[in-house]
């Protein structure tokens, strides 16, 4: 028996025929995908504290595995982690686990007992326990584990979800053809992907407690009546109500529900102004699924919006410009440069990649960007606009600060060019940060302003140098 460990990561478990117990070393913090796959003799595995994730396929079809001792530090069990471990009869899931992936325990045919803490608040992807003795032997129509409704096997026309439920798992009510109405109680927070897909639902109400609704959750051919709590602020993934009569019958070009959530734009304008007071924009709100979205060339988003889904503008192939919080995103240039940087990307792959670029731009503007995650494209306008927004929004990121300091002349040239009306306010905030303009670069930046005839920014920089950097003979060196 042996472990291949690199930088606290267990890469591979080296199995020996006469060894059935594996105690993972205490200094291990990560375990690689497929690390134990297809082990033929292993019966017991003991995890050390500190391990937070069990990755995909980690024990895939380890049929001899009987006992697993998971650490209290565990947070996530990824897809297919214990798939086909037919020797497992019992599993105790720590209370800190918040996510259990697709088919994580699928085909563990002898798994009869699942022990969870009342405090566990995990969300479940689909078919987590499919093919287990536990699921096969469950007597009630609604299969419930702690606060999660895993699967509904009933045939009722109306079903009331129990009050203690917080999670409706992926595909929980899929293909329940007889189900016409479901009562979702206040307290449900998470509705998984395809949760009611192709069910017979005719009516449903979404309570204000819901925080997330996965893609295609209510794709129901007969769904005509959908009610939303006025305080609902849930994150909506793409196509939650796709192909429903309710969506097709919506008369206004903007489908706005709950607490001002824009689910979909149904119109055909080329230049769109999102309604004032809109707070969120859902996944694929401007996508090609309904309407001719290749028409869209520009979108103006009000300052009231605080959250935009990553794929909100998926496949808007002719989109040229987005205006948000006074920042003009030159989408056409960004797409051209992204295409140049990814010559082999096409169709959906390209737009999926580009969605990520736009999404980070939005988060930079909102001050919610993850430090160090700027997309560096071959575009001064795009890169510097986004980097400057990070500084203006007080996002601490040494990489971005160094980038702007080293290229301060170009950054201020971008401000002097095709930048929104608040260029001077942005310039002042950059100067106030005290991180971008230094004694080492101020003269070069001033010279750049002279070269491009940016008189007002030159004066602002000159004043900054006089007040903060203590120059002496700058007037002899720089003249307008």
Protein backbone atom coordinates (compact mmCIF):
# COMPACT_ATOMS: atom_id res chain seq x y z
CA UNK A 1 0.00 0.00 0.00
CA UNK A 2 1.20 3.53 -0.76
CA UNK A 3 0.13 7.07 -1.43
CA UNK A 4 1.47 9.39 -4.09
CA UNK A 5 1.27 12.80 -2.41
CA UNK A 6 2.32 16.10 -4.00
CA UNK A 7 1.96 19.39 -2.09
CA UNK A 8 -0.57 17.95 0.39
CA UNK A 9 -2.60 16.50 -2.48
CA UNK A 10 -3.13 12.73 -2.65
CA UNK A 11 -2.80 12.03 -6.35
CA UNK A 12 -3.00 8.25 -6.41
CA UNK A 13 -3.60 5.41 -3.98
CA UNK A 14 -1.33 2.46 -4.80
CA UNK A 15 -3.23 -0.67 -3.90
CA UNK A 16 -1.78 -3.96 -2.58
CA UNK A 17 -3.72 -7.23 -2.64
CA UNK A 18 -3.47 -7.98 1.10
CA UNK A 19 -4.26 -4.45 2.35
CA UNK A 20 -7.91 -3.58 2.99
CA UNK A 21 -7.52 -0.49 5.23
CA UNK A 22 -6.36 2.93 3.99
CA UNK A 23 -5.72 5.65 6.57
CA UNK A 24 -5.02 8.80 4.59
CA UNK A 25 -2.03 10.74 6.07
CA UNK A 26 -2.93 13.67 8.31
CA UNK A 27 -1.11 16.28 6.19
CA UNK A 28 -3.27 15.57 3.13
CA UNK A 29 -5.70 18.39 2.32
CA UNK A 30 -6.84 17.43 -1.17
CA UNK A 31 -7.52 14.14 -2.92
CA UNK A 32 -7.38 13.91 -6.67
CA UNK A 33 -10.12 12.78 -9.01
CA UNK A 34 -9.98 9.00 -9.61
CA UNK A 35 -7.42 8.58 -6.79
CA UNK A 36 -9.09 5.35 -5.59
CA UNK A 37 -10.97 4.36 -8.72
CA UNK A 38 -11.53 0.65 -9.36
CA UNK A 39 -9.73 -0.53 -6.22
CA UNK A 40 -10.27 -4.29 -5.98
CA UNK A 41 -9.34 -4.99 -2.34
CA UNK A 42 -9.96 -1.81 -0.35
CA UNK A 43 -12.65 -2.14 2.34
CA UNK A 44 -12.16 0.81 4.72
CA UNK A 45 -10.98 4.40 4.17
CA UNK A 46 -10.34 6.94 6.93
CA UNK A 47 -10.09 10.61 5.94
CA UNK A 48 -8.02 13.13 7.93
CA UNK A 49 -9.46 16.39 9.23
CA UNK A 50 -8.76 19.26 6.87
CA UNK A 51 -10.05 17.60 3.70
CA UNK A 52 -12.91 19.76 2.39
CA UNK A 53 -13.87 18.10 -0.90
CA UNK A 54 -14.34 14.61 -2.26
CA UNK A 55 -13.80 15.12 -5.97
CA UNK A 56 -15.57 13.54 -8.94
CA UNK A 57 -15.18 9.80 -9.47
CA UNK A 58 -12.88 9.49 -6.46
CA UNK A 59 -14.10 5.99 -5.47
CA UNK A 60 -15.78 5.13 -8.76
CA UNK A 61 -16.79 1.44 -8.71
CA UNK A 62 -14.68 0.47 -5.69
CA UNK A 63 -16.98 -2.50 -5.22
CA UNK A 64 -15.20 -3.92 -2.16
CA UNK A 65 -15.44 -0.65 -0.19
CA UNK A 66 -17.56 -1.20 2.94
CA UNK A 67 -16.70 1.59 5.39
CA UNK A 68 -15.89 5.27 4.89
CA UNK A 69 -15.11 7.64 7.75
CA UNK A 70 -15.54 11.19 6.51
CA UNK A 71 -14.00 14.22 8.28
CA UNK A 72 -15.96 16.94 10.04
CA UNK A 73 -14.20 19.44 7.76
CA UNK A 74 -15.92 18.05 4.66
CA UNK A 75 -17.99 20.55 2.65
CA UNK A 76 -18.69 18.93 -0.71
CA UNK A 77 -19.14 15.47 -2.23
CA UNK A 78 -18.81 15.83 -5.99
CA UNK A 79 -20.53 13.92 -8.80
CA UNK A 80 -20.00 10.14 -9.03
CA UNK A 81 -17.73 10.24 -5.96
CA UNK A 82 -18.94 6.83 -4.68
CA UNK A 83 -20.72 5.62 -7.80
CA UNK A 84 -21.02 1.84 -7.93
CA UNK A 85 -19.55 1.20 -4.48
CA UNK A 86 -21.84 -1.79 -4.04
CA UNK A 87 -20.21 -2.91 -0.80
CA UNK A 88 -21.26 0.23 1.11
CA UNK A 89 -24.10 -0.44 3.54
CA UNK A 90 -23.98 2.75 5.61
CA UNK A 91 -22.71 6.31 5.20
CA UNK A 92 -22.55 9.11 7.76
CA UNK A 93 -22.47 12.54 6.10
CA UNK A 94 -20.93 15.34 8.26
CA UNK A 95 -23.10 18.32 9.10
CA UNK A 96 -20.78 20.77 7.33
CA UNK A 97 -21.50 19.29 3.88
CA UNK A 98 -23.34 21.85 1.73
CA UNK A 99 -23.29 20.15 -1.67
CA UNK A 100 -23.76 16.57 -2.94
CA UNK A 101 -23.26 16.12 -6.66
CA UNK A 102 -24.97 14.21 -9.43
CA UNK A 103 -25.02 10.43 -8.85
CA UNK A 104 -22.62 10.70 -5.91
CA UNK A 105 -23.94 7.41 -4.38
CA UNK A 106 -25.73 6.04 -7.41
CA UNK A 107 -25.70 2.24 -7.83
CA UNK A 108 -24.49 1.67 -4.28
CA UNK A 109 -27.04 -1.10 -4.30
CA UNK A 110 -26.55 -2.28 -0.72
CA UNK A 111 -26.51 1.20 0.84
CA UNK A 112 -29.36 0.94 3.37
CA UNK A 113 -28.60 3.56 5.98
CA UNK A 114 -27.80 7.26 5.50
CA UNK A 115 -27.02 9.22 8.65
CA UNK A 116 -27.12 13.01 8.58
CA UNK A 117 -27.18 15.74 11.19
CA UNK A 118 -30.26 17.91 11.65
CA UNK A 119 -27.90 20.85 11.09
CA UNK A 120 -26.79 19.74 7.63
CA UNK A 121 -28.04 22.11 4.89
CA UNK A 122 -26.78 20.43 1.75
CA UNK A 123 -28.23 20.92 -1.70
CA UNK A 124 -28.60 17.85 -3.91
CA UNK A 125 -28.07 17.38 -7.61
CA UNK A 126 -29.99 14.66 -9.41
CA UNK A 127 -29.93 10.90 -8.83
CA UNK A 128 -27.67 11.17 -5.80
CA UNK A 129 -29.08 7.97 -4.27
CA UNK A 130 -30.57 6.27 -7.34
CA UNK A 131 -30.11 2.52 -7.29
CA UNK A 132 -29.57 2.31 -3.52
CA UNK A 133 -31.44 0.04 -1.13
CA UNK A 134 -32.24 3.13 0.97
CA UNK A 135 -34.18 4.73 -1.87
CA UNK A 136 -35.78 1.51 -3.07
CA UNK A 137 -37.10 0.72 0.42
CA UNK A 138 -38.41 4.23 1.17
CA UNK A 139 -42.13 3.91 1.91
CA UNK A 140 -43.50 7.47 1.67
CA UNK A 141 -44.25 9.11 -1.71
CA UNK A 142 -42.00 12.06 -0.84
CA UNK A 143 -38.42 10.94 -0.22
CA UNK A 144 -37.00 13.29 2.42
CA UNK A 145 -33.51 13.45 3.88
CA UNK A 146 -33.22 15.94 6.69
CA UNK A 147 -34.51 19.24 5.19
CA UNK A 148 -34.25 18.15 1.55
CA UNK A 149 -36.96 16.65 -0.63
CA UNK A 150 -34.96 14.23 -2.77
CA UNK A 151 -37.65 12.60 -4.90
CA UNK A 152 -41.44 12.47 -5.25
CA UNK A 153 -42.84 9.09 -6.27
CA UNK A 154 -46.52 9.80 -5.71
CA UNK A 155 -49.42 10.19 -8.12
CA UNK A 156 -51.48 12.93 -6.44
CA UNK A 157 -52.95 15.81 -8.43
CA UNK A 158 -52.15 18.23 -5.61
CA UNK A 159 -49.18 17.99 -3.27
CA UNK A 160 -48.24 20.15 -0.27
CA UNK A 161 -44.52 20.17 0.41
CA UNK A 162 -43.84 19.76 4.17
CA UNK A 163 -43.11 22.92 6.15
CA UNK A 164 -39.61 21.86 7.22
CA UNK A 165 -38.27 21.48 3.66
CA UNK A 166 -35.51 23.91 2.64
CA UNK A 167 -34.23 22.18 -0.50
CA UNK A 168 -36.04 20.67 -3.49
CA UNK A 169 -33.46 18.50 -5.20
CA UNK A 170 -32.74 18.42 -8.90
CA UNK A 171 -35.34 16.42 -10.87
CA UNK A 172 -37.31 15.78 -7.68
CA UNK A 173 -40.72 15.99 -9.45
CA UNK A 174 -39.57 15.30 -12.99
CA UNK A 175 -42.17 13.58 -15.19
CA UNK A 176 -44.84 13.58 -12.45
CA UNK A 177 -47.55 13.75 -15.09
CA UNK A 178 -50.52 13.60 -12.70
CA UNK A 179 -49.30 16.49 -10.54
CA UNK A 180 -51.28 19.66 -11.38
CA UNK A 181 -50.58 21.83 -8.35
CA UNK A 182 -47.78 21.96 -5.80
CA UNK A 183 -47.78 24.13 -2.68
CA UNK A 184 -44.25 25.36 -1.95
CA UNK A 185 -44.12 26.63 1.63
CA UNK A 186 -42.34 29.70 2.91
CA UNK A 187 -38.95 28.45 4.04
CA UNK A 188 -37.91 26.65 0.85
CA UNK A 189 -34.64 28.27 -0.26
CA UNK A 190 -33.28 26.17 -3.11
CA UNK A 191 -35.09 24.65 -6.10
CA UNK A 192 -32.77 22.50 -8.17
CA UNK A 193 -32.33 22.18 -11.92
CA UNK A 194 -35.26 20.48 -13.68
CA UNK A 195 -36.99 20.05 -10.32
CA UNK A 196 -40.48 20.01 -11.92
CA UNK A 197 -39.41 19.42 -15.52
CA UNK A 198 -42.22 17.89 -17.62
CA UNK A 199 -44.52 17.55 -14.62
CA UNK A 200 -48.24 18.09 -15.20
CA UNK A 201 -48.21 21.36 -13.23
CA UNK A 202 -50.86 23.93 -14.07
CA UNK A 203 -50.26 26.38 -11.26
CA UNK A 204 -47.54 27.23 -8.73
CA UNK A 205 -46.55 30.02 -6.36
CA UNK A 206 -42.90 30.86 -5.62
CA UNK A 207 -42.45 32.07 -2.01
CA UNK A 208 -40.20 34.95 -1.05
CA UNK A 209 -37.83 32.67 0.86
CA UNK A 210 -36.46 31.08 -2.33
CA UNK A 211 -32.88 32.14 -3.04
CA UNK A 212 -32.05 30.01 -6.08
CA UNK A 213 -33.95 28.36 -8.94
CA UNK A 214 -32.02 26.11 -11.31
CA UNK A 215 -32.30 25.95 -15.08
CA UNK A 216 -35.44 24.40 -16.62
CA UNK A 217 -36.91 23.96 -13.11
CA UNK A 218 -40.49 24.62 -14.24
CA UNK A 219 -40.38 23.52 -17.88
CA UNK A 220 -43.96 22.27 -17.86
CA UNK A 221 -46.19 22.11 -20.94
CA UNK A 222 -49.38 22.90 -18.97
CA UNK A 223 -48.13 25.59 -16.57
CA UNK A 224 -50.50 28.54 -17.02
CA UNK A 225 -50.58 30.26 -13.64
CA UNK A 226 -47.36 31.33 -11.87
CA UNK A 227 -47.48 33.61 -8.84
CA UNK A 228 -44.47 35.26 -7.22
CA UNK A 229 -44.07 36.71 -3.77
CA UNK A 230 -43.41 40.43 -4.15
CA UNK A 231 -40.28 40.12 -1.99
CA UNK A 232 -38.76 37.32 -4.08
CA UNK A 233 -35.10 38.10 -4.88
CA UNK A 234 -33.98 34.66 -6.00
CA UNK A 235 -31.17 34.00 -8.45
CA UNK A 236 -32.71 32.54 -11.61
CA UNK A 237 -30.67 30.36 -13.91
CA UNK A 238 -31.56 30.09 -17.59
CA UNK A 239 -34.93 29.04 -19.04
CA UNK A 240 -36.63 28.36 -15.73
CA UNK A 241 -40.09 28.64 -17.35
CA UNK A 242 -39.21 27.65 -20.89
CA UNK A 243 -42.06 26.39 -23.15
CA UNK A 244 -44.72 27.19 -20.55
CA UNK A 245 -48.05 28.72 -21.60
CA UNK A 246 -47.53 31.24 -18.78
CA UNK A 247 -44.39 32.61 -20.43
CA UNK A 248 -45.80 32.62 -23.95
CA UNK A 249 -48.90 34.50 -22.81
CA UNK A 250 -46.91 37.28 -21.11
CA UNK A 251 -47.89 40.47 -22.93
CA UNK A 252 -45.14 42.94 -22.05
CA UNK A 253 -41.77 42.79 -23.80
CA UNK A 254 -40.01 42.63 -20.42
CA UNK A 255 -40.89 39.68 -18.19
CA UNK A 256 -40.32 41.10 -14.70
CA UNK A 257 -41.38 39.18 -11.58
CA UNK A 258 -41.02 39.25 -7.80
CA UNK A 259 -38.78 42.00 -6.48
CA UNK A 260 -38.03 43.44 -9.94
CA UNK A 261 -36.26 40.42 -11.45
CA UNK A 262 -35.94 40.55 -15.25
CA UNK A 263 -36.46 36.98 -16.41
CA UNK A 264 -36.64 37.56 -20.16
CA UNK A 265 -36.74 40.19 -22.87
CA UNK A 266 -39.33 39.21 -25.48
CA UNK A 267 -39.16 42.25 -27.74
CA UNK A 268 -37.45 42.91 -31.05
CA UNK A 269 -35.77 46.29 -30.57
CA UNK A 270 -32.15 46.80 -31.53
CA UNK A 271 -31.45 49.34 -28.76
CA UNK A 272 -32.86 48.31 -25.39
CA UNK A 273 -33.25 50.23 -22.16
CA UNK A 274 -33.88 47.91 -19.23
CA UNK A 275 -36.77 49.33 -17.14
CA UNK A 276 -35.83 51.52 -14.16
CA UNK A 277 -35.90 49.88 -10.72
CA UNK A 278 -34.94 46.48 -12.16
CA UNK A 279 -32.79 44.75 -9.54
CA UNK A 280 -31.65 41.52 -11.17
CA UNK A 281 -31.18 40.10 -14.66
CA UNK A 282 -31.65 36.32 -14.96
CA UNK A 283 -29.70 33.75 -16.96
CA UNK A 284 -30.20 34.04 -20.75
CA UNK A 285 -32.56 36.99 -20.25
CA UNK A 286 -31.43 38.30 -23.64
CA UNK A 287 -30.64 34.94 -25.24
CA UNK A 288 -31.83 33.55 -28.53
CA UNK A 289 -34.45 31.16 -27.16
CA UNK A 290 -37.47 33.42 -27.75
CA UNK A 291 -37.38 36.23 -30.29
CA UNK A 292 -34.69 37.25 -32.75
CA UNK A 293 -31.92 38.19 -30.37
CA UNK A 294 -29.37 38.73 -33.11
CA UNK A 295 -31.15 42.10 -33.59
CA UNK A 296 -29.88 43.49 -30.28
CA UNK A 297 -27.05 46.03 -30.70
CA UNK A 298 -27.03 47.96 -27.43
CA UNK A 299 -28.41 47.56 -23.92
CA UNK A 300 -28.60 50.24 -21.23
CA UNK A 301 -28.86 48.83 -17.71
CA UNK A 302 -30.12 51.03 -14.83
CA UNK A 303 -28.01 51.62 -11.73
CA UNK A 304 -30.65 49.81 -9.65
CA UNK A 305 -29.40 46.43 -10.97
CA UNK A 306 -27.18 44.68 -8.43
CA UNK A 307 -26.90 41.21 -9.94
CA UNK A 308 -26.52 39.99 -13.54
CA UNK A 309 -26.37 36.28 -14.37
CA UNK A 310 -23.23 35.12 -16.11
CA UNK A 311 -25.04 34.05 -19.28
CA UNK A 312 -27.58 36.90 -19.43
CA UNK A 313 -26.39 37.94 -22.93
CA UNK A 314 -25.64 34.48 -24.28
CA UNK A 315 -25.64 34.32 -28.09
CA UNK A 316 -26.39 38.02 -28.62
CA UNK A 317 -24.22 37.84 -31.72
CA UNK A 318 -24.71 41.44 -32.88
CA UNK A 319 -24.42 43.11 -29.48
CA UNK A 320 -22.04 46.07 -29.74
CA UNK A 321 -22.40 48.07 -26.55
CA UNK A 322 -23.62 47.79 -22.94
CA UNK A 323 -23.95 50.87 -20.73
CA UNK A 324 -23.95 50.15 -17.00
CA UNK A 325 -23.29 52.52 -14.08
CA UNK A 326 -21.96 55.09 -16.54
CA UNK A 327 -19.41 52.66 -17.96
CA UNK A 328 -19.57 51.97 -21.69
CA UNK A 329 -18.55 48.40 -22.47
CA UNK A 330 -17.41 48.17 -26.07
CA UNK A 331 -18.75 44.66 -26.53
CA UNK A 332 -17.96 44.52 -30.24
CA UNK A 333 -14.26 45.16 -29.64
CA UNK A 334 -14.24 42.75 -26.72
CA UNK A 335 -15.77 39.99 -28.85
CA UNK A 336 -13.32 40.65 -31.68
CA UNK A 337 -10.40 40.41 -29.29
CA UNK A 338 -11.78 37.37 -27.51
CA UNK A 339 -12.22 35.68 -30.88
CA UNK A 340 -8.65 36.55 -31.77
CA UNK A 341 -7.39 35.09 -28.50
CA UNK A 342 -9.46 31.93 -28.93
CA UNK A 343 -9.31 31.15 -32.68
CA UNK A 344 -10.60 27.59 -32.23
CA UNK A 345 -13.67 28.63 -30.24
CA UNK A 346 -16.93 28.67 -32.18
CA UNK A 347 -20.67 28.78 -31.58
CA UNK A 348 -21.75 27.93 -28.06
CA UNK A 349 -18.18 27.38 -26.83
CA UNK A 350 -17.20 30.91 -27.83
CA UNK A 351 -20.22 32.55 -26.24
CA UNK A 352 -19.82 30.53 -23.05
CA UNK A 353 -16.24 31.77 -22.80
CA UNK A 354 -17.22 35.34 -23.65
CA UNK A 355 -20.06 35.32 -21.10
CA UNK A 356 -17.40 34.90 -18.44
CA UNK A 357 -15.60 38.00 -19.69
CA UNK A 358 -18.77 40.10 -19.56
CA UNK A 359 -19.76 38.73 -16.18
CA UNK A 360 -16.47 39.74 -14.60
CA UNK A 361 -16.81 43.16 -16.18
CA UNK A 362 -20.19 43.60 -14.50
CA UNK A 363 -18.79 42.49 -11.18
CA UNK A 364 -15.83 44.85 -11.49
CA UNK A 365 -18.27 47.69 -12.04
CA UNK A 366 -20.36 46.61 -9.04
CA UNK A 367 -17.30 46.22 -6.86
CA UNK A 368 -17.89 42.47 -6.41
CA UNK A 369 -15.09 41.10 -8.58
CA UNK A 370 -12.84 38.33 -7.34
CA UNK A 371 -9.31 39.76 -6.97
CA UNK A 372 -6.82 38.63 -9.57
CA UNK A 373 -9.48 37.48 -12.04
CA UNK A 374 -9.31 40.28 -14.64
CA UNK A 375 -9.52 39.01 -18.20
CA UNK A 376 -6.50 40.52 -19.92
CA UNK A 377 -7.48 40.90 -23.56
CA UNK A 378 -5.47 42.63 -26.28
CA UNK A 379 -7.43 45.80 -25.73
CA UNK A 380 -6.33 48.91 -23.86
CA UNK A 381 -9.89 50.17 -23.73
CA UNK A 382 -11.34 46.99 -22.20
CA UNK A 383 -8.49 46.16 -19.83
CA UNK A 384 -7.95 49.64 -18.50
CA UNK A 385 -11.65 50.42 -18.20
CA UNK A 386 -12.16 47.32 -16.06
CA UNK A 387 -8.97 47.78 -14.05
CA UNK A 388 -9.84 51.39 -13.29
CA UNK A 389 -13.32 50.37 -12.14
CA UNK A 390 -11.74 47.95 -9.68
CA UNK A 391 -9.67 50.74 -8.15
CA UNK A 392 -12.61 53.15 -8.11
CA UNK A 393 -14.71 50.52 -6.31
CA UNK A 394 -11.94 49.95 -3.75
CA UNK A 395 -11.26 46.36 -4.76
CA UNK A 396 -7.89 45.48 -3.29
CA UNK A 397 -5.87 43.64 -5.91
CA UNK A 398 -2.10 44.05 -6.13
CA UNK A 399 -2.04 42.60 -9.66
CA UNK A 400 -4.44 45.23 -10.97
CA UNK A 401 -2.75 48.08 -9.10
CA UNK A 402 0.66 47.12 -10.52
CA UNK A 403 -0.85 46.79 -13.99
CA UNK A 404 -2.24 50.32 -13.87
CA UNK A 405 0.88 51.81 -12.30
CA UNK A 406 3.11 50.32 -15.01
CA UNK A 407 0.76 51.52 -17.76
CA UNK A 408 -0.55 54.72 -16.21
CA UNK A 409 -0.03 56.76 -19.39
CA UNK A 410 -2.18 54.43 -21.45
CA UNK A 411 -4.79 54.21 -18.70
CA UNK A 412 -5.25 58.00 -18.63
CA UNK A 413 -5.25 58.04 -22.43
CA UNK A 414 -8.23 55.67 -22.28
CA UNK A 415 -9.92 58.10 -19.89
CA UNK A 416 -9.26 60.94 -22.32
CA UNK A 417 -10.76 59.03 -25.23
CA UNK A 418 -14.16 57.41 -25.70
CA UNK A 419 -15.01 57.24 -22.01
CA UNK A 420 -18.28 58.26 -20.31
CA UNK A 421 -18.95 61.74 -18.99
CA UNK A 422 -17.66 60.91 -15.51
CA UNK A 423 -14.05 60.55 -16.75
CA UNK A 424 -12.87 63.36 -14.49
CA UNK A 425 -14.55 61.85 -11.44
CA UNK A 426 -12.91 58.51 -12.29
CA UNK A 427 -9.53 60.20 -12.76
CA UNK A 428 -9.85 61.93 -9.41
CA UNK A 429 -10.68 58.65 -7.67
CA UNK A 430 -7.65 57.02 -9.28
CA UNK A 431 -5.46 59.87 -8.01
CA UNK A 432 -7.08 59.72 -4.56
CA UNK A 433 -6.18 56.04 -4.32
CA UNK A 434 -2.53 57.09 -4.10
CA UNK A 435 -1.49 53.88 -5.85
CA UNK A 436 -1.53 54.59 -9.60
CA UNK A 437 0.38 57.84 -10.12
CA UNK A 438 3.85 57.94 -8.54
CA UNK A 439 7.02 60.01 -8.76
CA UNK A 440 8.38 57.38 -11.14
CA UNK A 441 5.60 57.65 -13.72
CA UNK A 442 4.03 61.12 -13.35
CA UNK A 443 6.24 62.82 -15.94
CA UNK A 444 5.57 60.12 -18.55
CA UNK A 445 1.84 60.42 -17.94
CA UNK A 446 1.95 64.20 -18.27
CA UNK A 447 3.86 63.88 -21.52
CA UNK A 448 1.26 61.42 -22.82
CA UNK A 449 -1.50 63.93 -22.04
CA UNK A 450 0.37 66.58 -24.01
CA UNK A 451 0.81 64.20 -26.95
CA UNK A 452 -2.91 63.45 -27.18
CA UNK A 453 -3.97 67.03 -26.28
CA UNK A 454 -5.85 65.96 -23.16
CA UNK A 455 -5.76 69.44 -21.62
CA UNK A 456 -8.12 68.94 -18.67
CA UNK A 457 -6.54 65.69 -17.51
CA UNK A 458 -3.11 67.28 -17.90
CA UNK A 459 -4.09 70.12 -15.58
CA UNK A 460 -5.54 67.66 -13.07
CA UNK A 461 -2.34 65.59 -13.09
CA UNK A 462 -0.17 68.70 -12.88
CA UNK A 463 -2.10 69.85 -9.82
CA UNK A 464 -1.75 66.40 -8.26
CA UNK A 465 2.01 66.50 -8.81
CA UNK A 466 2.26 69.94 -7.28
CA UNK A 467 0.21 69.00 -4.23
CA UNK A 468 1.39 65.47 -3.56
CA UNK A 469 4.67 64.69 -5.33
CA UNK A 470 6.65 67.92 -4.70
CA UNK A 471 8.01 68.63 -8.17
CA UNK A 472 10.28 71.60 -8.91
CA UNK A 473 10.86 72.39 -12.62
CA UNK A 474 7.88 70.73 -14.22
CA UNK A 475 6.62 73.92 -15.91
CA UNK A 476 9.82 74.22 -17.93
CA UNK A 477 9.55 70.61 -19.02
CA UNK A 478 5.87 70.47 -19.93
CA UNK A 479 4.02 73.16 -21.89
CA UNK A 480 0.61 73.16 -23.51
